[in-house]
């Protein structure tokens, strides 16, 4: 256990006498320092027992003594040892009064006890405590290693870690979802730290942070990123009521190493599963459903026995935020599938993510909700199809994605593509360029000649080619309108009797509005 002032006070060979602050003898002594300076604070780190003979102190001035003791307290000094028999035969009364007033432990150090004897006692105790911490850390590491090798290794490791720390521990996946926690009640508490995990994810790996526990708790929480790459593979959180001591930190570091190793090993397995998932998706897109079902075996459960949907997501704009958002979407979709026990295919295809899951899968709805709430993403979601219809579902998702990108939407479902007006789909640079090129000869005519050919064409098309109604709308004679439509045909070199020409002209007119 750490060395305290009480331990030194009871040390039989030092023969120290407590003169003040006896209610604070439980303070930990981190080191001992000798100084005759009036203000040694700049040379201290806090937690020291300061030794002095008072050679340079104004011991008769009560205010000076109060100021001196105040500076020591501010510097974090836990106790003051005053050596008698060198400069002073007794500890000055003004110093005793000041120490008593400020509750700073004050010791009288007898002439026969050299300061170096106190330094050696403190040094030996600190070394013994560090050795004990290292030994305890090694033993804890062996216990954690044995736990990690158990059938449910992660859960067993977290349980042992929480027991060692007399607190709680939780493991998060790369998306910040809680994978496991110990004790069982800690899962809810860990989930309330999602915001802190998000902030840690944005820091260069490896990263750590000490934060306050969730509201309503007195926890001190330490967070650690896990993994050896640029992006964390997961996160570890430990919560305790007291600050972690040296032995506890050895235990946490051992857990971080073991969990990192486990995650890196699982990444190799996940890479293999990714390659299998990509192969299955290629088979399904090629219409080889039976072959895909055979290859999938039991790994993907009943995924290919029921209707499925396809979601395709990609960055809404080129750049790192969108690429990272796609990666995070895939990780969260897979985490949601793991938690719910649902089979799911999540395959990266360049900058895109393709997700295939059962039509009612919770993981799919989670992915869709995440995509809809992420401005850096655009996504399209197909309608439910049988496994044999995956190629069509892929086309549906691609068309919905194209609409999402064109409209600046985060998520568009296939059902929305055919609903409503087709006109918003024309808000495309290529379509506008086509419309402007098609109508340019008519606009140039109207700018230099009489006739209002563009307005006349729009009125005639809007009245479905009915001469009298269109002419009345324009306020001209129907023969005038007939002449204008012949001029439109002559200028464009197209026949208005062709329904395709009429359609193109109508869409060009609507695009230009």
Protein backbone atom coordinates (compact mmCIF):
# COMPACT_ATOMS: atom_id res chain seq x y z
CA UNK A 1 0.00 0.00 0.00
CA UNK A 2 1.22 3.59 -0.60
CA UNK A 3 3.47 5.25 1.98
CA UNK A 4 1.60 7.72 4.21
CA UNK A 5 2.64 10.36 6.73
CA UNK A 6 1.25 8.11 9.46
CA UNK A 7 3.71 5.39 8.41
CA UNK A 8 6.60 7.80 8.86
CA UNK A 9 5.24 9.09 12.16
CA UNK A 10 5.21 5.52 13.49
CA UNK A 11 8.61 4.62 12.03
CA UNK A 12 10.59 3.43 15.09
CA UNK A 13 14.03 4.61 13.97
CA UNK A 14 13.06 8.08 12.72
CA UNK A 15 11.51 9.22 16.03
CA UNK A 16 9.44 11.99 14.45
CA UNK A 17 7.06 14.02 16.64
CA UNK A 18 3.75 15.25 15.21
CA UNK A 19 3.15 18.91 16.17
CA UNK A 20 0.23 19.83 13.86
CA UNK A 21 -2.16 18.36 11.28
CA UNK A 22 -2.56 14.99 12.96
CA UNK A 23 -5.96 14.63 11.26
CA UNK A 24 -4.24 14.54 7.86
CA UNK A 25 -1.64 11.89 8.45
CA UNK A 26 -3.34 9.59 5.98
CA UNK A 27 -1.94 11.62 3.06
CA UNK A 28 0.22 9.68 0.60
CA UNK A 29 3.89 10.62 0.44
CA UNK A 30 5.17 10.41 -3.12
CA UNK A 31 8.67 11.72 -2.43
CA UNK A 32 10.78 13.68 0.07
CA UNK A 33 12.61 16.95 -0.68
CA UNK A 34 14.97 19.17 1.33
CA UNK A 35 14.91 22.94 0.84
CA UNK A 36 15.85 26.06 2.81
CA UNK A 37 14.11 28.33 0.31
CA UNK A 38 11.38 30.69 1.42
CA UNK A 39 9.31 29.53 -1.57
CA UNK A 40 10.30 26.05 -2.84
CA UNK A 41 7.01 25.64 -4.74
CA UNK A 42 8.46 26.06 -8.27
CA UNK A 43 10.72 23.05 -7.65
CA UNK A 44 8.00 20.70 -6.40
CA UNK A 45 5.49 18.45 -8.17
CA UNK A 46 3.06 17.87 -5.31
CA UNK A 47 2.78 15.02 -2.84
CA UNK A 48 6.17 15.69 -1.21
CA UNK A 49 7.26 15.71 2.43
CA UNK A 50 9.41 18.85 2.69
CA UNK A 51 12.36 18.94 5.12
CA UNK A 52 13.95 22.19 6.36
CA UNK A 53 16.04 23.60 9.23
CA UNK A 54 14.49 27.07 8.82
CA UNK A 55 17.82 28.83 8.35
CA UNK A 56 16.33 31.42 5.98
CA UNK A 57 12.88 31.73 7.54
CA UNK A 58 11.69 34.72 9.54
CA UNK A 59 10.52 32.52 12.39
CA UNK A 60 9.49 35.38 14.69
CA UNK A 61 7.01 36.88 12.18
CA UNK A 62 3.61 35.13 12.45
CA UNK A 63 2.41 36.61 9.14
CA UNK A 64 5.55 35.41 7.39
CA UNK A 65 5.03 31.91 8.78
CA UNK A 66 1.39 31.85 7.64
CA UNK A 67 2.49 32.97 4.17
CA UNK A 68 5.21 30.30 4.10
CA UNK A 69 2.83 27.50 5.10
CA UNK A 70 0.28 28.82 2.59
CA UNK A 71 2.81 28.59 -0.24
CA UNK A 72 3.66 25.01 0.74
CA UNK A 73 -0.02 24.01 0.76
CA UNK A 74 -0.53 25.64 -2.64
CA UNK A 75 2.44 23.69 -4.04
CA UNK A 76 0.85 20.41 -2.91
CA UNK A 77 3.24 19.67 -0.03
CA UNK A 78 1.61 16.99 2.15
CA UNK A 79 3.80 17.51 5.25
CA UNK A 80 6.66 19.58 6.68
CA UNK A 81 9.54 18.20 8.70
CA UNK A 82 11.50 20.77 10.77
CA UNK A 83 14.98 19.72 11.86
CA UNK A 84 16.00 21.02 15.33
CA UNK A 85 19.45 21.31 16.82
CA UNK A 86 21.04 23.01 13.78
CA UNK A 87 19.68 26.52 13.41
CA UNK A 88 16.97 26.31 16.07
CA UNK A 89 16.70 24.35 19.29
CA UNK A 90 12.93 23.89 18.87
CA UNK A 91 10.30 24.25 16.20
CA UNK A 92 9.25 27.94 16.16
CA UNK A 93 5.89 28.57 17.81
CA UNK A 94 4.79 30.82 14.93
CA UNK A 95 5.38 27.95 12.50
CA UNK A 96 3.44 25.50 14.72
CA UNK A 97 0.55 27.97 14.95
CA UNK A 98 0.48 28.53 11.18
CA UNK A 99 0.60 24.79 10.42
CA UNK A 100 -2.17 24.15 12.96
CA UNK A 101 -4.30 26.91 11.48
CA UNK A 102 -3.89 25.56 7.92
CA UNK A 103 -4.00 21.90 8.97
CA UNK A 104 -0.64 21.10 7.39
CA UNK A 105 1.02 18.12 9.11
CA UNK A 106 4.19 19.34 10.88
CA UNK A 107 6.89 17.07 12.31
CA UNK A 108 9.78 17.79 14.63
CA UNK A 109 12.88 15.98 13.33
CA UNK A 110 15.35 15.34 16.20
CA UNK A 111 19.04 16.23 15.85
CA UNK A 112 20.00 12.55 15.84
CA UNK A 113 17.81 11.83 12.78
CA UNK A 114 19.59 13.04 9.64
CA UNK A 115 17.41 14.11 6.73
CA UNK A 116 19.02 11.44 4.58
CA UNK A 117 17.58 8.77 6.90
CA UNK A 118 14.08 10.07 6.14
CA UNK A 119 14.89 10.20 2.41
CA UNK A 120 16.09 6.57 2.51
CA UNK A 121 12.96 5.47 4.38
CA UNK A 122 10.69 7.18 1.85
CA UNK A 123 12.70 5.89 -1.11
CA UNK A 124 12.64 2.33 0.21
CA UNK A 125 8.89 2.47 0.83
CA UNK A 126 8.17 3.94 -2.62
CA UNK A 127 10.36 1.29 -4.27
CA UNK A 128 8.65 -1.46 -2.31
CA UNK A 129 5.24 -0.11 -3.33
CA UNK A 130 6.29 0.04 -6.98
CA UNK A 131 7.67 -3.49 -6.82
CA UNK A 132 4.41 -4.66 -5.29
CA UNK A 133 2.47 -2.88 -8.04
CA UNK A 134 4.59 -4.47 -10.76
CA UNK A 135 4.25 -7.91 -9.17
CA UNK A 136 0.49 -7.45 -8.82
CA UNK A 137 0.37 -6.26 -12.43
CA UNK A 138 2.16 -9.37 -13.67
CA UNK A 139 -0.17 -11.60 -11.68
CA UNK A 140 -3.20 -9.70 -13.00
CA UNK A 141 -1.86 -10.03 -16.53
CA UNK A 142 -1.62 -13.82 -16.09
CA UNK A 143 -5.19 -13.92 -14.79
CA UNK A 144 -6.45 -11.77 -17.65
CA UNK A 145 -4.62 -13.95 -20.16
CA UNK A 146 -6.21 -17.09 -18.71
CA UNK A 147 -9.61 -15.37 -18.87
CA UNK A 148 -9.04 -14.32 -22.50
CA UNK A 149 -8.40 -17.96 -23.44
CA UNK A 150 -11.75 -19.07 -22.02
CA UNK A 151 -14.58 -19.98 -24.45
CA UNK A 152 -16.24 -16.60 -23.85
CA UNK A 153 -12.90 -14.84 -23.63
CA UNK A 154 -13.93 -11.20 -23.96
CA UNK A 155 -16.69 -11.41 -21.36
CA UNK A 156 -14.44 -13.32 -18.96
CA UNK A 157 -11.61 -10.81 -19.42
CA UNK A 158 -13.90 -7.83 -18.76
CA UNK A 159 -15.31 -9.52 -15.67
CA UNK A 160 -11.82 -10.15 -14.29
CA UNK A 161 -10.74 -6.60 -15.14
CA UNK A 162 -13.74 -5.09 -13.36
CA UNK A 163 -13.03 -7.27 -10.34
CA UNK A 164 -9.38 -6.16 -10.17
CA UNK A 165 -10.35 -2.48 -10.41
CA UNK A 166 -13.32 -2.76 -8.04
CA UNK A 167 -15.31 -0.98 -10.72
CA UNK A 168 -16.76 -1.72 -14.13
CA UNK A 169 -15.42 -2.28 -17.66
CA UNK A 170 -16.98 -2.14 -21.12
CA UNK A 171 -15.87 -2.98 -24.66
CA UNK A 172 -17.16 -0.99 -27.64
CA UNK A 173 -16.90 -1.84 -31.32
CA UNK A 174 -15.45 0.57 -33.87
CA UNK A 175 -18.82 2.31 -34.30
CA UNK A 176 -19.15 3.00 -30.57
CA UNK A 177 -21.78 0.35 -29.82
CA UNK A 178 -21.35 -1.57 -26.55
CA UNK A 179 -20.34 -5.17 -27.27
CA UNK A 180 -19.90 -6.42 -23.70
CA UNK A 181 -19.73 -5.04 -20.16
CA UNK A 182 -19.06 -6.27 -16.66
CA UNK A 183 -20.83 -6.39 -14.30
CA UNK A 184 -24.08 -6.78 -16.25
CA UNK A 185 -25.51 -3.46 -15.03
CA UNK A 186 -22.54 -1.57 -16.51
CA UNK A 187 -23.84 -1.91 -20.08
CA UNK A 188 -26.44 0.83 -19.59
CA UNK A 189 -23.90 3.11 -17.95
CA UNK A 190 -21.36 2.52 -20.72
CA UNK A 191 -23.94 3.27 -23.42
CA UNK A 192 -24.34 6.78 -21.99
CA UNK A 193 -20.73 7.55 -22.93
CA UNK A 194 -21.38 7.34 -26.69
CA UNK A 195 -20.53 11.02 -27.16
CA UNK A 196 -17.15 10.60 -25.47
CA UNK A 197 -16.41 7.58 -27.67
CA UNK A 198 -17.22 9.63 -30.78
CA UNK A 199 -14.77 12.31 -29.67
CA UNK A 200 -12.07 9.73 -28.98
CA UNK A 201 -12.58 8.20 -32.44
CA UNK A 202 -11.65 11.53 -34.03
CA UNK A 203 -8.29 11.62 -32.20
CA UNK A 204 -5.13 10.10 -33.72
CA UNK A 205 -4.74 6.47 -32.62
CA UNK A 206 -3.73 5.22 -30.14
CA UNK A 207 -5.77 7.62 -28.04
CA UNK A 208 -6.96 7.80 -24.45
CA UNK A 209 -9.03 10.16 -22.35
CA UNK A 210 -10.11 10.56 -18.73
CA UNK A 211 -13.68 11.82 -18.35
CA UNK A 212 -16.33 12.19 -15.71
CA UNK A 213 -18.83 9.37 -15.51
CA UNK A 214 -22.45 9.66 -16.65
CA UNK A 215 -24.65 12.11 -14.77
CA UNK A 216 -25.82 10.73 -11.45
CA UNK A 217 -22.65 8.71 -10.87
CA UNK A 218 -19.36 9.48 -9.14
CA UNK A 219 -17.33 7.45 -11.61
CA UNK A 220 -13.93 8.38 -12.92
CA UNK A 221 -13.85 6.88 -16.42
CA UNK A 222 -10.79 6.18 -18.53
CA UNK A 223 -11.21 5.45 -22.24
CA UNK A 224 -8.68 3.71 -24.47
CA UNK A 225 -8.75 3.12 -28.22
CA UNK A 226 -7.94 -0.41 -29.36
CA UNK A 227 -6.18 -1.57 -32.51
CA UNK A 228 -2.90 -1.02 -34.27
CA UNK A 229 -4.10 0.82 -37.39
CA UNK A 230 -5.08 4.40 -38.16
CA UNK A 231 -8.71 3.69 -37.37
CA UNK A 232 -9.55 2.17 -33.96
CA UNK A 233 -10.94 -1.36 -34.02
CA UNK A 234 -12.76 -0.75 -30.75
CA UNK A 235 -12.65 1.04 -27.41
CA UNK A 236 -12.26 0.07 -23.75
CA UNK A 237 -13.85 2.01 -20.91
CA UNK A 238 -13.15 1.43 -17.21
CA UNK A 239 -15.00 3.20 -14.43
CA UNK A 240 -13.90 3.48 -10.81
CA UNK A 241 -14.72 5.67 -7.83
CA UNK A 242 -11.03 6.39 -7.12
CA UNK A 243 -8.14 7.44 -9.31
CA UNK A 244 -6.28 4.46 -10.76
CA UNK A 245 -3.05 3.68 -8.89
CA UNK A 246 0.08 2.21 -10.44
CA UNK A 247 -1.03 -1.41 -10.00
CA UNK A 248 -4.44 -0.68 -11.52
CA UNK A 249 -2.81 0.95 -14.55
CA UNK A 250 -0.69 -2.16 -15.11
CA UNK A 251 -3.91 -4.17 -15.15
CA UNK A 252 -5.62 -1.79 -17.61
CA UNK A 253 -2.60 -1.80 -19.94
CA UNK A 254 -2.56 -5.59 -19.91
CA UNK A 255 -6.27 -5.65 -20.81
CA UNK A 256 -5.70 -3.16 -23.64
CA UNK A 257 -2.94 -5.35 -25.08
CA UNK A 258 -5.03 -8.53 -24.90
CA UNK A 259 -8.15 -6.90 -26.37
CA UNK A 260 -6.10 -5.32 -29.16
CA UNK A 261 -4.62 -8.72 -30.01
CA UNK A 262 -8.09 -10.26 -30.01
CA UNK A 263 -9.48 -7.53 -32.26
CA UNK A 264 -6.56 -7.77 -34.68
CA UNK A 265 -7.02 -11.54 -34.91
CA UNK A 266 -10.74 -11.10 -35.46
CA UNK A 267 -9.93 -8.59 -38.23
CA UNK A 268 -8.19 -11.37 -40.16
CA UNK A 269 -11.35 -13.45 -39.82
CA UNK A 270 -13.50 -10.46 -40.79
CA UNK A 271 -11.36 -9.86 -43.88
CA UNK A 272 -12.01 -13.45 -44.92
CA UNK A 273 -15.73 -13.00 -44.31
CA UNK A 274 -15.65 -9.79 -46.37
CA UNK A 275 -14.14 -11.66 -49.32
CA UNK A 276 -16.79 -14.37 -48.98
CA UNK A 277 -19.55 -11.74 -48.75
CA UNK A 278 -18.24 -10.03 -51.90
CA UNK A 279 -18.19 -13.37 -53.73
CA UNK A 280 -21.75 -14.16 -52.64
CA UNK A 281 -22.95 -10.76 -53.78
CA UNK A 282 -21.34 -11.24 -57.21
CA UNK A 283 -23.12 -14.61 -57.53
CA UNK A 284 -26.46 -13.10 -56.58
CA UNK A 285 -26.02 -10.21 -59.01
CA UNK A 286 -25.19 -12.72 -61.73
CA UNK A 287 -28.42 -14.60 -61.00
CA UNK A 288 -26.63 -17.63 -59.53
CA UNK A 289 -28.84 -17.84 -56.45
CA UNK A 290 -28.51 -21.60 -55.95
CA UNK A 291 -24.72 -21.44 -56.10
CA UNK A 292 -24.72 -18.52 -53.66
CA UNK A 293 -26.94 -20.45 -51.26
CA UNK A 294 -24.57 -23.43 -51.40
CA UNK A 295 -21.49 -21.30 -50.77
CA UNK A 296 -23.16 -19.41 -47.93
CA UNK A 297 -23.87 -22.66 -46.11
CA UNK A 298 -24.89 -21.97 -42.53
CA UNK A 299 -22.75 -18.84 -42.19
CA UNK A 300 -25.55 -16.55 -43.34
CA UNK A 301 -28.41 -18.54 -41.85
CA UNK A 302 -31.74 -18.04 -43.57
CA UNK A 303 -30.75 -14.83 -45.39
CA UNK A 304 -31.43 -16.34 -48.84
CA UNK A 305 -34.66 -18.07 -47.82
CA UNK A 306 -36.79 -14.91 -47.52
CA UNK A 307 -37.35 -11.60 -49.36
CA UNK A 308 -34.41 -9.22 -49.14
CA UNK A 309 -33.66 -5.55 -49.79
CA UNK A 310 -30.53 -3.84 -51.06
CA UNK A 311 -29.14 -0.55 -49.79
CA UNK A 312 -26.36 1.27 -51.66
CA UNK A 313 -24.58 4.21 -50.03
CA UNK A 314 -21.75 6.43 -51.22
CA UNK A 315 -20.27 9.82 -50.29
CA UNK A 316 -22.59 12.70 -51.13
CA UNK A 317 -19.49 14.56 -52.32
CA UNK A 318 -15.86 13.56 -52.89
CA UNK A 319 -13.63 13.77 -49.81
CA UNK A 320 -12.64 12.15 -46.55
CA UNK A 321 -15.82 12.94 -44.51
CA UNK A 322 -17.99 10.99 -46.94
CA UNK A 323 -15.55 8.09 -47.19
CA UNK A 324 -15.30 7.84 -43.39
CA UNK A 325 -19.08 8.03 -43.14
CA UNK A 326 -19.44 5.08 -45.52
CA UNK A 327 -16.96 3.05 -43.46
CA UNK A 328 -18.75 3.92 -40.23
CA UNK A 329 -22.13 3.02 -41.75
CA UNK A 330 -20.84 -0.44 -42.65
CA UNK A 331 -19.37 -0.98 -39.18
CA UNK A 332 -22.60 0.04 -37.46
CA UNK A 333 -24.74 -2.09 -39.74
CA UNK A 334 -22.57 -5.14 -39.00
CA UNK A 335 -22.61 -4.35 -35.27
CA UNK A 336 -26.40 -4.07 -35.30
CA UNK A 337 -26.62 -7.41 -37.13
CA UNK A 338 -24.32 -9.03 -34.58
CA UNK A 339 -26.38 -7.75 -31.66
CA UNK A 340 -29.68 -8.86 -33.18
CA UNK A 341 -28.33 -12.16 -34.53
CA UNK A 342 -29.45 -11.31 -38.08
CA UNK A 343 -27.51 -12.40 -41.19
CA UNK A 344 -26.36 -9.48 -43.33
CA UNK A 345 -24.06 -8.85 -46.28
CA UNK A 346 -22.12 -5.56 -46.12
CA UNK A 347 -19.66 -5.22 -49.01
CA UNK A 348 -17.42 -2.30 -49.94
CA UNK A 349 -17.28 -1.64 -53.69
CA UNK A 350 -14.78 1.17 -54.12
CA UNK A 351 -16.28 4.22 -52.42
CA UNK A 352 -19.66 2.50 -52.19
CA UNK A 353 -21.17 0.29 -49.52
CA UNK A 354 -23.70 -2.36 -50.59
CA UNK A 355 -25.86 -3.86 -47.84
CA UNK A 356 -28.14 -6.85 -48.43
CA UNK A 357 -30.42 -8.04 -45.63
CA UNK A 358 -33.84 -9.50 -44.97
CA UNK A 359 -36.63 -7.04 -45.72
CA UNK A 360 -37.61 -6.71 -42.04
CA UNK A 361 -34.08 -6.92 -40.56
CA UNK A 362 -33.44 -4.54 -37.68
CA UNK A 363 -29.88 -4.07 -38.90
CA UNK A 364 -31.15 -2.88 -42.30
CA UNK A 365 -33.50 -0.33 -40.75
CA UNK A 366 -30.65 0.80 -38.51
CA UNK A 367 -28.41 1.31 -41.54
CA UNK A 368 -31.16 3.21 -43.38
CA UNK A 369 -31.79 5.45 -40.36
CA UNK A 370 -28.07 6.16 -40.01
CA UNK A 371 -27.77 6.97 -43.72
CA UNK A 372 -30.77 9.29 -43.57
CA UNK A 373 -29.21 11.20 -40.68
CA UNK A 374 -25.72 11.54 -42.17
CA UNK A 375 -25.27 14.60 -44.42
CA UNK A 376 -22.01 13.24 -45.86
CA UNK A 377 -23.86 10.25 -47.35
CA UNK A 378 -26.36 9.57 -50.10
CA UNK A 379 -28.16 6.22 -50.20
CA UNK A 380 -30.76 4.35 -52.18
CA UNK A 381 -32.93 1.50 -50.84
CA UNK A 382 -34.66 -1.10 -53.01
CA UNK A 383 -38.07 -2.66 -52.62
CA UNK A 384 -38.30 -6.20 -51.12
CA UNK A 385 -37.52 -8.92 -53.68
CA UNK A 386 -37.02 -12.69 -53.54
CA UNK A 387 -33.36 -13.79 -53.49
CA UNK A 388 -33.60 -14.49 -57.22
CA UNK A 389 -34.47 -10.83 -57.74
CA UNK A 390 -31.28 -9.38 -56.25
CA UNK A 391 -30.11 -8.04 -59.66
CA UNK A 392 -33.33 -6.04 -59.99
CA UNK A 393 -33.08 -4.88 -56.35
CA UNK A 394 -29.53 -3.69 -57.07
CA UNK A 395 -30.80 -1.69 -60.07
CA UNK A 396 -33.60 -0.24 -57.96
CA UNK A 397 -31.17 0.84 -55.26
CA UNK A 398 -28.87 2.40 -57.85
CA UNK A 399 -31.73 4.37 -59.39
CA UNK A 400 -32.85 5.53 -55.95
CA UNK A 401 -29.26 6.52 -55.14
CA UNK A 402 -29.05 8.54 -58.35
CA UNK A 403 -32.20 10.42 -57.36
CA UNK A 404 -30.80 11.02 -53.85
CA UNK A 405 -27.62 12.50 -55.31
CA UNK A 406 -29.56 14.65 -57.79
CA UNK A 407 -32.01 15.96 -55.20
CA UNK A 408 -29.47 16.42 -52.42
CA UNK A 409 -31.24 13.82 -50.26
CA UNK A 410 -29.57 11.48 -47.77
CA UNK A 411 -31.86 8.51 -48.46
CA UNK A 412 -34.36 7.72 -51.22
CA UNK A 413 -36.39 4.51 -51.34
CA UNK A 414 -37.34 2.83 -54.60
CA UNK A 415 -41.02 3.54 -54.00
CA UNK A 416 -40.33 7.27 -54.07
CA UNK A 417 -38.70 7.14 -57.50
CA UNK A 418 -41.96 6.37 -59.27
CA UNK A 419 -44.09 8.57 -57.04
CA UNK A 420 -44.94 12.23 -57.63
CA UNK A 421 -43.82 14.29 -60.61
CA UNK A 422 -41.03 13.36 -62.99
CA UNK A 423 -40.05 17.01 -63.34
CA UNK A 424 -37.76 17.20 -60.27
CA UNK A 425 -35.69 14.47 -61.93
CA UNK A 426 -34.84 16.93 -64.70
CA UNK A 427 -32.80 19.15 -62.37
CA UNK A 428 -29.59 17.94 -63.93
CA UNK A 429 -26.92 19.92 -65.77
CA UNK A 430 -26.96 17.57 -68.75
CA UNK A 431 -30.75 17.78 -69.07
CA UNK A 432 -30.71 21.56 -68.78
CA UNK A 433 -27.99 21.77 -71.45
CA UNK A 434 -30.09 19.57 -73.77
CA UNK A 435 -33.18 21.74 -73.20
CA UNK A 436 -31.30 24.97 -73.82
CA UNK A 437 -29.78 23.59 -77.03
CA UNK A 438 -33.13 22.35 -78.31
CA UNK A 439 -34.96 25.63 -77.72
CA UNK A 440 -32.11 28.01 -78.57
CA UNK A 441 -33.12 28.48 -82.27
CA UNK A 442 -36.65 29.41 -81.23
CA UNK A 443 -35.45 31.84 -78.56
CA UNK A 444 -33.06 33.45 -81.05
CA UNK A 445 -35.95 33.88 -83.50
CA UNK A 446 -38.14 35.47 -80.83
CA UNK A 447 -35.33 37.86 -79.89
CA UNK A 448 -35.04 39.25 -83.45
CA UNK A 449 -38.43 38.63 -85.08
CA UNK A 450 -42.12 38.74 -84.35
CA UNK A 451 -44.08 35.65 -83.53
CA UNK A 452 -43.45 34.52 -79.93
CA UNK A 453 -42.71 31.01 -81.10
CA UNK A 454 -41.69 29.67 -77.66
CA UNK A 455 -44.85 30.91 -75.91
CA UNK A 456 -47.00 29.72 -78.81
CA UNK A 457 -45.40 26.27 -78.73
CA UNK A 458 -45.96 25.96 -75.00
CA UNK A 459 -49.62 27.00 -75.28
CA UNK A 460 -50.22 24.56 -78.15
CA UNK A 461 -48.59 21.66 -76.30
CA UNK A 462 -50.37 22.45 -73.03
CA UNK A 463 -53.75 22.27 -74.87
CA UNK A 464 -52.78 18.93 -76.45
CA UNK A 465 -52.61 20.42 -79.99
CA UNK A 466 -56.13 21.91 -79.88
CA UNK A 467 -55.86 24.96 -82.13
CA UNK A 468 -58.90 26.93 -80.98
CA UNK A 469 -58.16 26.56 -77.23
CA UNK A 470 -54.48 27.38 -77.63
CA UNK A 471 -55.17 30.37 -79.92
CA UNK A 472 -57.73 31.73 -77.48
CA UNK A 473 -55.21 31.39 -74.67
CA UNK A 474 -52.68 33.39 -76.71
CA UNK A 475 -55.27 35.93 -77.97
CA UNK A 476 -54.51 35.25 -81.65
CA UNK A 477 -56.40 33.72 -84.59
CA UNK A 478 -56.02 29.97 -85.03
CA UNK A 479 -54.56 30.53 -88.53
CA UNK A 480 -51.83 32.67 -86.93
CA UNK A 481 -51.06 29.85 -84.50
CA UNK A 482 -50.93 27.31 -87.37
CA UNK A 483 -48.41 29.54 -89.17
CA UNK A 484 -46.28 29.80 -86.04
CA UNK A 485 -46.20 26.01 -85.53
CA UNK A 486 -45.10 25.57 -89.18
CA UNK A 487 -42.26 28.04 -88.45
CA UNK A 488 -41.32 25.98 -85.35
CA UNK A 489 -41.06 22.86 -87.52
CA UNK A 490 -39.03 24.70 -90.16
CA UNK A 491 -36.59 26.20 -87.65
CA UNK A 492 -36.12 22.99 -85.64
CA UNK A 493 -36.24 20.64 -88.61
CA UNK A 494 -38.66 18.39 -86.70
CA UNK A 495 -42.27 17.37 -87.19
CA UNK A 496 -44.76 18.16 -84.44
CA UNK A 497 -46.77 15.15 -85.56
CA UNK A 498 -44.10 12.95 -83.93
CA UNK A 499 -45.11 12.23 -80.29
CA UNK A 500 -41.42 11.84 -79.29
CA UNK A 501 -40.69 15.33 -80.61
CA UNK A 502 -43.65 16.77 -78.73
CA UNK A 503 -42.51 15.01 -75.54
CA UNK A 504 -38.94 16.32 -75.86
CA UNK A 505 -40.13 19.86 -76.52
CA UNK A 506 -42.54 19.79 -73.58
CA UNK A 507 -39.87 18.52 -71.19
CA UNK A 508 -37.42 21.10 -72.54
CA UNK A 509 -39.94 23.85 -71.88
CA UNK A 510 -40.61 22.57 -68.32
CA UNK A 511 -36.90 22.24 -67.62
CA UNK A 512 -36.30 25.83 -68.63
CA UNK A 513 -38.93 27.17 -66.20
